[in-house]
Amino acid sequence: MLVRTMVDMGAVLRDAREAAGRTQAELARAAGVSREWLINVEAGRTAADLPRLLAVMGELGLVVEVRRS
């Protein structure tokens, strides 16, 4: 999926978490973030800071690829 907004990013994270069979609480604990923060990110309601976002992505086996559009 092409990610252009925080709503897109939230959808990617939610879909990957659900595909992995993990709850928000499990993922938040493993990534070292709060469940409330993860809920907001999955809903696209927050500007996530990169270190926390990368920690969550790492737990889900996701990577970032930067390309010119």
PDB file of N, CA and C in Angstrom:
ATOM      1  N   MET A   1       0.842  -1.188   0.000  1.00  0.00           N
ATOM      2  CA  MET A   1       0.000   0.000   0.000  1.00  0.00           C
ATOM      3  C   MET A   1       0.880   1.242   0.000  1.00  0.00           C
ATOM      4  N   LEU A   2       0.485   2.206  -0.761  1.00  0.00           N
ATOM      5  CA  LEU A   2       1.177   3.481  -0.790  1.00  0.00           C
ATOM      6  C   LEU A   2       0.706   4.313   0.404  1.00  0.00           C
ATOM      7  N   VAL A   3       1.649   4.781   1.195  1.00  0.00           N
ATOM      8  CA  VAL A   3       1.318   5.566   2.386  1.00  0.00           C
ATOM      9  C   VAL A   3       1.628   7.027   2.114  1.00  0.00           C
ATOM     10  N   ARG A   4       0.588   7.850   2.149  1.00  0.00           N
ATOM     11  CA  ARG A   4       0.765   9.286   1.928  1.00  0.00           C
ATOM     12  C   ARG A   4       0.294  10.113   3.114  1.00  0.00           C
ATOM     13  N   THR A   5      -0.508   9.516   3.983  1.00  0.00           N
ATOM     14  CA  THR A   5      -1.052  10.240   5.137  1.00  0.00           C
ATOM     15  C   THR A   5      -0.949   9.370   6.382  1.00  0.00           C
ATOM     16  N   MET A   6      -1.182   9.967   7.533  1.00  0.00           N
ATOM     17  CA  MET A   6      -1.197   9.198   8.776  1.00  0.00           C
ATOM     18  C   MET A   6      -2.370   8.224   8.798  1.00  0.00           C
ATOM     19  N   VAL A   7      -3.455   8.548   8.124  1.00  0.00           N
ATOM     20  CA  VAL A   7      -4.586   7.610   8.035  1.00  0.00           C
ATOM     21  C   VAL A   7      -4.141   6.360   7.281  1.00  0.00           C
ATOM     22  N   ASP A   8      -3.392   6.542   6.184  1.00  0.00           N
ATOM     23  CA  ASP A   8      -2.857   5.404   5.430  1.00  0.00           C
ATOM     24  C   ASP A   8      -1.928   4.570   6.313  1.00  0.00           C
ATOM     25  N   MET A   9      -1.047   5.235   7.044  1.00  0.00           N
ATOM     26  CA  MET A   9      -0.101   4.529   7.900  1.00  0.00           C
ATOM     27  C   MET A   9      -0.849   3.740   8.976  1.00  0.00           C
ATOM     28  N   GLY A  10      -1.844   4.363   9.556  1.00  0.00           N
ATOM     29  CA  GLY A  10      -2.633   3.677  10.578  1.00  0.00           C
ATOM     30  C   GLY A  10      -3.287   2.429  10.032  1.00  0.00           C
ATOM     31  N   ALA A  11      -3.804   2.506   8.820  1.00  0.00           N
ATOM     32  CA  ALA A  11      -4.455   1.346   8.202  1.00  0.00           C
ATOM     33  C   ALA A  11      -3.449   0.224   7.954  1.00  0.00           C
ATOM     34  N   VAL A  12      -2.256   0.575   7.503  1.00  0.00           N
ATOM     35  CA  VAL A  12      -1.212  -0.425   7.275  1.00  0.00           C
ATOM     36  C   VAL A  12      -0.859  -1.123   8.582  1.00  0.00           C
ATOM     37  N   LEU A  13      -0.661  -0.344   9.636  1.00  0.00           N
ATOM     38  CA  LEU A  13      -0.293  -0.925  10.924  1.00  0.00           C
ATOM     39  C   LEU A  13      -1.409  -1.804  11.472  1.00  0.00           C
ATOM     40  N   ARG A  14      -2.632  -1.323  11.406  1.00  0.00           N
ATOM     41  CA  ARG A  14      -3.771  -2.102  11.908  1.00  0.00           C
ATOM     42  C   ARG A  14      -3.908  -3.413  11.142  1.00  0.00           C
ATOM     43  N   ASP A  15      -3.830  -3.340   9.808  1.00  0.00           N
ATOM     44  CA  ASP A  15      -3.953  -4.549   8.995  1.00  0.00           C
ATOM     45  C   ASP A  15      -2.836  -5.547   9.303  1.00  0.00           C
ATOM     46  N   ALA A  16      -1.614  -5.064   9.444  1.00  0.00           N
ATOM     47  CA  ALA A  16      -0.484  -5.950   9.745  1.00  0.00           C
ATOM     48  C   ALA A  16      -0.628  -6.554  11.135  1.00  0.00           C
ATOM     49  N   ARG A  17      -1.069  -5.761  12.095  1.00  0.00           N
ATOM     50  CA  ARG A  17      -1.268  -6.268  13.461  1.00  0.00           C
ATOM     51  C   ARG A  17      -2.330  -7.356  13.461  1.00  0.00           C
ATOM     52  N   GLU A  18      -3.447  -7.104  12.806  1.00  0.00           N
ATOM     53  CA  GLU A  18      -4.523  -8.085  12.767  1.00  0.00           C
ATOM     54  C   GLU A  18      -4.094  -9.349  12.023  1.00  0.00           C
ATOM     55  N   ALA A  19      -3.348  -9.204  10.940  1.00  0.00           N
ATOM     56  CA  ALA A  19      -2.859 -10.361  10.186  1.00  0.00           C
ATOM     57  C   ALA A  19      -1.905 -11.205  11.029  1.00  0.00           C
ATOM     58  N   ALA A  20      -1.177 -10.548  11.935  1.00  0.00           N
ATOM     59  CA  ALA A  20      -0.255 -11.249  12.822  1.00  0.00           C
ATOM     60  C   ALA A  20      -0.970 -11.852  14.028  1.00  0.00           C
ATOM     61  N   GLY A  21      -2.261 -11.567  14.161  1.00  0.00           N
ATOM     62  CA  GLY A  21      -3.035 -12.106  15.276  1.00  0.00           C
ATOM     63  C   GLY A  21      -2.680 -11.500  16.619  1.00  0.00           C
ATOM     64  N   ARG A  22      -2.234 -10.235  16.603  1.00  0.00           N
ATOM     65  CA  ARG A  22      -1.826  -9.573  17.847  1.00  0.00           C
ATOM     66  C   ARG A  22      -2.855  -8.531  18.243  1.00  0.00           C
ATOM     67  N   THR A  23      -3.022  -8.370  19.540  1.00  0.00           N
ATOM     68  CA  THR A  23      -3.907  -7.320  20.044  1.00  0.00           C
ATOM     69  C   THR A  23      -3.125  -6.016  20.116  1.00  0.00           C
ATOM     70  N   GLN A  24      -3.863  -4.921  20.260  1.00  0.00           N
ATOM     71  CA  GLN A  24      -3.195  -3.633  20.426  1.00  0.00           C
ATOM     72  C   GLN A  24      -2.337  -3.642  21.685  1.00  0.00           C
ATOM     73  N   ALA A  25      -2.844  -4.250  22.745  1.00  0.00           N
ATOM     74  CA  ALA A  25      -2.089  -4.287  24.006  1.00  0.00           C
ATOM     75  C   ALA A  25      -0.794  -5.075  23.844  1.00  0.00           C
ATOM     76  N   GLU A  26      -0.849  -6.223  23.166  1.00  0.00           N
ATOM     77  CA  GLU A  26       0.353  -7.032  22.956  1.00  0.00           C
ATOM     78  C   GLU A  26       1.389  -6.279  22.136  1.00  0.00           C
ATOM     79  N   LEU A  27       0.946  -5.676  21.042  1.00  0.00           N
ATOM     80  CA  LEU A  27       1.872  -4.954  20.180  1.00  0.00           C
ATOM     81  C   LEU A  27       2.458  -3.743  20.883  1.00  0.00           C
ATOM     82  N   ALA A  28       1.627  -3.000  21.582  1.00  0.00           N
ATOM     83  CA  ALA A  28       2.106  -1.810  22.292  1.00  0.00           C
ATOM     84  C   ALA A  28       3.172  -2.192  23.313  1.00  0.00           C
ATOM     85  N   ARG A  29       2.914  -3.245  24.077  1.00  0.00           N
ATOM     86  CA  ARG A  29       3.872  -3.691  25.098  1.00  0.00           C
ATOM     87  C   ARG A  29       5.191  -4.113  24.439  1.00  0.00           C
ATOM     88  N   ALA A  30       5.118  -4.890  23.368  1.00  0.00           N
ATOM     89  CA  ALA A  30       6.325  -5.375  22.699  1.00  0.00           C
ATOM     90  C   ALA A  30       7.136  -4.241  22.077  1.00  0.00           C
ATOM     91  N   ALA A  31       6.450  -3.214  21.579  1.00  0.00           N
ATOM     92  CA  ALA A  31       7.130  -2.095  20.922  1.00  0.00           C
ATOM     93  C   ALA A  31       7.525  -0.991  21.891  1.00  0.00           C
ATOM     94  N   GLY A  32       7.074  -1.085  23.132  1.00  0.00           N
ATOM     95  CA  GLY A  32       7.429  -0.069  24.124  1.00  0.00           C
ATOM     96  C   GLY A  32       6.655   1.232  23.971  1.00  0.00           C
ATOM     97  N   VAL A  33       5.418   1.124  23.497  1.00  0.00           N
ATOM     98  CA  VAL A  33       4.553   2.302  23.366  1.00  0.00           C
ATOM     99  C   VAL A  33       3.284   2.044  24.163  1.00  0.00           C
ATOM    100  N   SER A  34       2.513   3.087  24.399  1.00  0.00           N
ATOM    101  CA  SER A  34       1.263   2.890  25.128  1.00  0.00           C
ATOM    102  C   SER A  34       0.168   2.415  24.174  1.00  0.00           C
ATOM    103  N   ARG A  35      -0.784   1.685  24.714  1.00  0.00           N
ATOM    104  CA  ARG A  35      -1.904   1.238  23.888  1.00  0.00           C
ATOM    105  C   ARG A  35      -2.683   2.442  23.379  1.00  0.00           C
ATOM    106  N   GLU A  36      -2.842   3.464  24.206  1.00  0.00           N
ATOM    107  CA  GLU A  36      -3.557   4.677  23.784  1.00  0.00           C
ATOM    108  C   GLU A  36      -2.874   5.312  22.572  1.00  0.00           C
ATOM    109  N   TRP A  37      -1.553   5.386  22.595  1.00  0.00           N
ATOM    110  CA  TRP A  37      -0.816   5.952  21.467  1.00  0.00           C
ATOM    111  C   TRP A  37      -1.066   5.124  20.219  1.00  0.00           C
ATOM    112  N   LEU A  38      -0.990   3.788  20.354  1.00  0.00           N
ATOM    113  CA  LEU A  38      -1.203   2.908  19.208  1.00  0.00           C
ATOM    114  C   LEU A  38      -2.618   3.040  18.659  1.00  0.00           C
ATOM    115  N   ILE A  39      -3.603   3.136  19.531  1.00  0.00           N
ATOM    116  CA  ILE A  39      -4.994   3.335  19.096  1.00  0.00           C
ATOM    117  C   ILE A  39      -5.090   4.591  18.246  1.00  0.00           C
ATOM    118  N   ASN A  40      -4.489   5.675  18.703  1.00  0.00           N
ATOM    119  CA  ASN A  40      -4.536   6.939  17.964  1.00  0.00           C
ATOM    120  C   ASN A  40      -3.813   6.850  16.627  1.00  0.00           C
ATOM    121  N   VAL A  41      -2.681   6.173  16.590  1.00  0.00           N
ATOM    122  CA  VAL A  41      -1.948   6.022  15.334  1.00  0.00           C
ATOM    123  C   VAL A  41      -2.751   5.186  14.348  1.00  0.00           C
ATOM    124  N   GLU A  42      -3.316   4.078  14.814  1.00  0.00           N
ATOM    125  CA  GLU A  42      -4.113   3.227  13.923  1.00  0.00           C
ATOM    126  C   GLU A  42      -5.315   3.987  13.356  1.00  0.00           C
ATOM    127  N   ALA A  43      -5.825   4.935  14.110  1.00  0.00           N
ATOM    128  CA  ALA A  43      -6.970   5.728  13.655  1.00  0.00           C
ATOM    129  C   ALA A  43      -6.538   6.941  12.829  1.00  0.00           C
ATOM    130  N   GLY A  44      -5.225   7.156  12.686  1.00  0.00           N
ATOM    131  CA  GLY A  44      -4.730   8.290  11.917  1.00  0.00           C
ATOM    132  C   GLY A  44      -4.930   9.614  12.615  1.00  0.00           C
ATOM    133  N   ARG A  45      -5.092   9.584  13.940  1.00  0.00           N
ATOM    134  CA  ARG A  45      -5.412  10.799  14.684  1.00  0.00           C
ATOM    135  C   ARG A  45      -4.214  11.502  15.292  1.00  0.00           C
ATOM    136  N   THR A  46      -3.029  11.040  15.023  1.00  0.00           N
ATOM    137  CA  THR A  46      -1.880  11.662  15.654  1.00  0.00           C
ATOM    138  C   THR A  46      -0.707  11.737  14.685  1.00  0.00           C
ATOM    139  N   ALA A  47       0.130  12.687  14.898  1.00  0.00           N
ATOM    140  CA  ALA A  47       1.388  12.753  14.161  1.00  0.00           C
ATOM    141  C   ALA A  47       2.383  11.932  14.972  1.00  0.00           C
ATOM    142  N   ALA A  48       2.646  10.727  14.528  1.00  0.00           N
ATOM    143  CA  ALA A  48       3.503   9.810  15.276  1.00  0.00           C
ATOM    144  C   ALA A  48       4.956  10.229  15.177  1.00  0.00           C
ATOM    145  N   ASP A  49       5.665  10.101  16.291  1.00  0.00           N
ATOM    146  CA  ASP A  49       7.093  10.390  16.213  1.00  0.00           C
ATOM    147  C   ASP A  49       7.791   9.161  15.631  1.00  0.00           C
ATOM    148  N   LEU A  50       8.801   9.404  14.858  1.00  0.00           N
ATOM    149  CA  LEU A  50       9.451   8.363  14.079  1.00  0.00           C
ATOM    150  C   LEU A  50      10.016   7.216  14.917  1.00  0.00           C
ATOM    151  N   PRO A  51      10.702   7.462  16.029  1.00  0.00           N
ATOM    152  CA  PRO A  51      11.240   6.333  16.787  1.00  0.00           C
ATOM    153  C   PRO A  51      10.156   5.355  17.250  1.00  0.00           C
ATOM    154  N   ARG A  52       9.047   5.856  17.742  1.00  0.00           N
ATOM    155  CA  ARG A  52       7.976   4.954  18.176  1.00  0.00           C
ATOM    156  C   ARG A  52       7.342   4.256  16.982  1.00  0.00           C
ATOM    157  N   LEU A  53       7.141   4.975  15.915  1.00  0.00           N
ATOM    158  CA  LEU A  53       6.552   4.391  14.714  1.00  0.00           C
ATOM    159  C   LEU A  53       7.435   3.273  14.173  1.00  0.00           C
ATOM    160  N   LEU A  54       8.733   3.496  14.130  1.00  0.00           N
ATOM    161  CA  LEU A  54       9.663   2.470  13.657  1.00  0.00           C
ATOM    162  C   LEU A  54       9.690   1.264  14.589  1.00  0.00           C
ATOM    163  N   ALA A  55       9.546   1.479  15.897  1.00  0.00           N
ATOM    164  CA  ALA A  55       9.507   0.364  16.849  1.00  0.00           C
ATOM    165  C   ALA A  55       8.295  -0.519  16.586  1.00  0.00           C
ATOM    166  N   VAL A  56       7.138   0.090  16.361  1.00  0.00           N
ATOM    167  CA  VAL A  56       5.927  -0.670  16.071  1.00  0.00           C
ATOM    168  C   VAL A  56       6.086  -1.410  14.747  1.00  0.00           C
ATOM    169  N   MET A  57       6.598  -0.723  13.736  1.00  0.00           N
ATOM    170  CA  MET A  57       6.793  -1.360  12.438  1.00  0.00           C
ATOM    171  C   MET A  57       7.759  -2.534  12.547  1.00  0.00           C
ATOM    172  N   GLY A  58       8.804  -2.377  13.321  1.00  0.00           N
ATOM    173  CA  GLY A  58       9.771  -3.457  13.517  1.00  0.00           C
ATOM    174  C   GLY A  58       9.140  -4.682  14.144  1.00  0.00           C
ATOM    175  N   GLU A  59       8.276  -4.473  15.105  1.00  0.00           N
ATOM    176  CA  GLU A  59       7.580  -5.584  15.751  1.00  0.00           C
ATOM    177  C   GLU A  59       6.678  -6.326  14.770  1.00  0.00           C
ATOM    178  N   LEU A  60       6.204  -5.623  13.762  1.00  0.00           N
ATOM    179  CA  LEU A  60       5.313  -6.229  12.765  1.00  0.00           C
ATOM    180  C   LEU A  60       6.060  -6.725  11.524  1.00  0.00           C
ATOM    181  N   GLY A  61       7.374  -6.534  11.509  1.00  0.00           N
ATOM    182  CA  GLY A  61       8.160  -6.970  10.362  1.00  0.00           C
ATOM    183  C   GLY A  61       7.988  -6.086   9.142  1.00  0.00           C
ATOM    184  N   LEU A  62       7.628  -4.835   9.366  1.00  0.00           N
ATOM    185  CA  LEU A  62       7.438  -3.876   8.272  1.00  0.00           C
ATOM    186  C   LEU A  62       8.677  -3.011   8.134  1.00  0.00           C
ATOM    187  N   VAL A  63       8.952  -2.564   6.919  1.00  0.00           N
ATOM    188  CA  VAL A  63      10.075  -1.664   6.651  1.00  0.00           C
ATOM    189  C   VAL A  63       9.582  -0.447   5.882  1.00  0.00           C
ATOM    190  N   VAL A  64      10.389   0.579   5.892  1.00  0.00           N
ATOM    191  CA  VAL A  64      10.097   1.798   5.146  1.00  0.00           C
ATOM    192  C   VAL A  64      10.972   1.835   3.910  1.00  0.00           C
ATOM    193  N   GLU A  65      10.381   2.105   2.787  1.00  0.00           N
ATOM    194  CA  GLU A  65      11.128   2.303   1.549  1.00  0.00           C
ATOM    195  C   GLU A  65      10.784   3.691   1.036  1.00  0.00           C
ATOM    196  N   VAL A  66      11.786   4.504   0.810  1.00  0.00           N
ATOM    197  CA  VAL A  66      11.572   5.859   0.334  1.00  0.00           C
ATOM    198  C   VAL A  66      11.887   5.904  -1.154  1.00  0.00           C
ATOM    199  N   ARG A  67      10.921   6.402  -1.926  1.00  0.00           N
ATOM    200  CA  ARG A  67      11.091   6.538  -3.374  1.00  0.00           C
ATOM    201  C   ARG A  67      10.653   7.915  -3.800  1.00  0.00           C
ATOM    202  N   ARG A  68      11.204   8.373  -4.837  1.00  0.00           N
ATOM    203  CA  ARG A  68      10.731   9.646  -5.438  1.00  0.00           C
ATOM    204  C   ARG A  68       9.441   9.365  -6.178  1.00  0.00           C
ATOM    205  N   SER A  69       8.501  10.302  -6.068  1.00  0.00           N
ATOM    206  CA  SER A  69       7.241  10.096  -6.794  1.00  0.00           C
ATOM    207  C   SER A  69       7.278  10.746  -8.146  1.00  0.00           C
TER     208      SER A  69
END
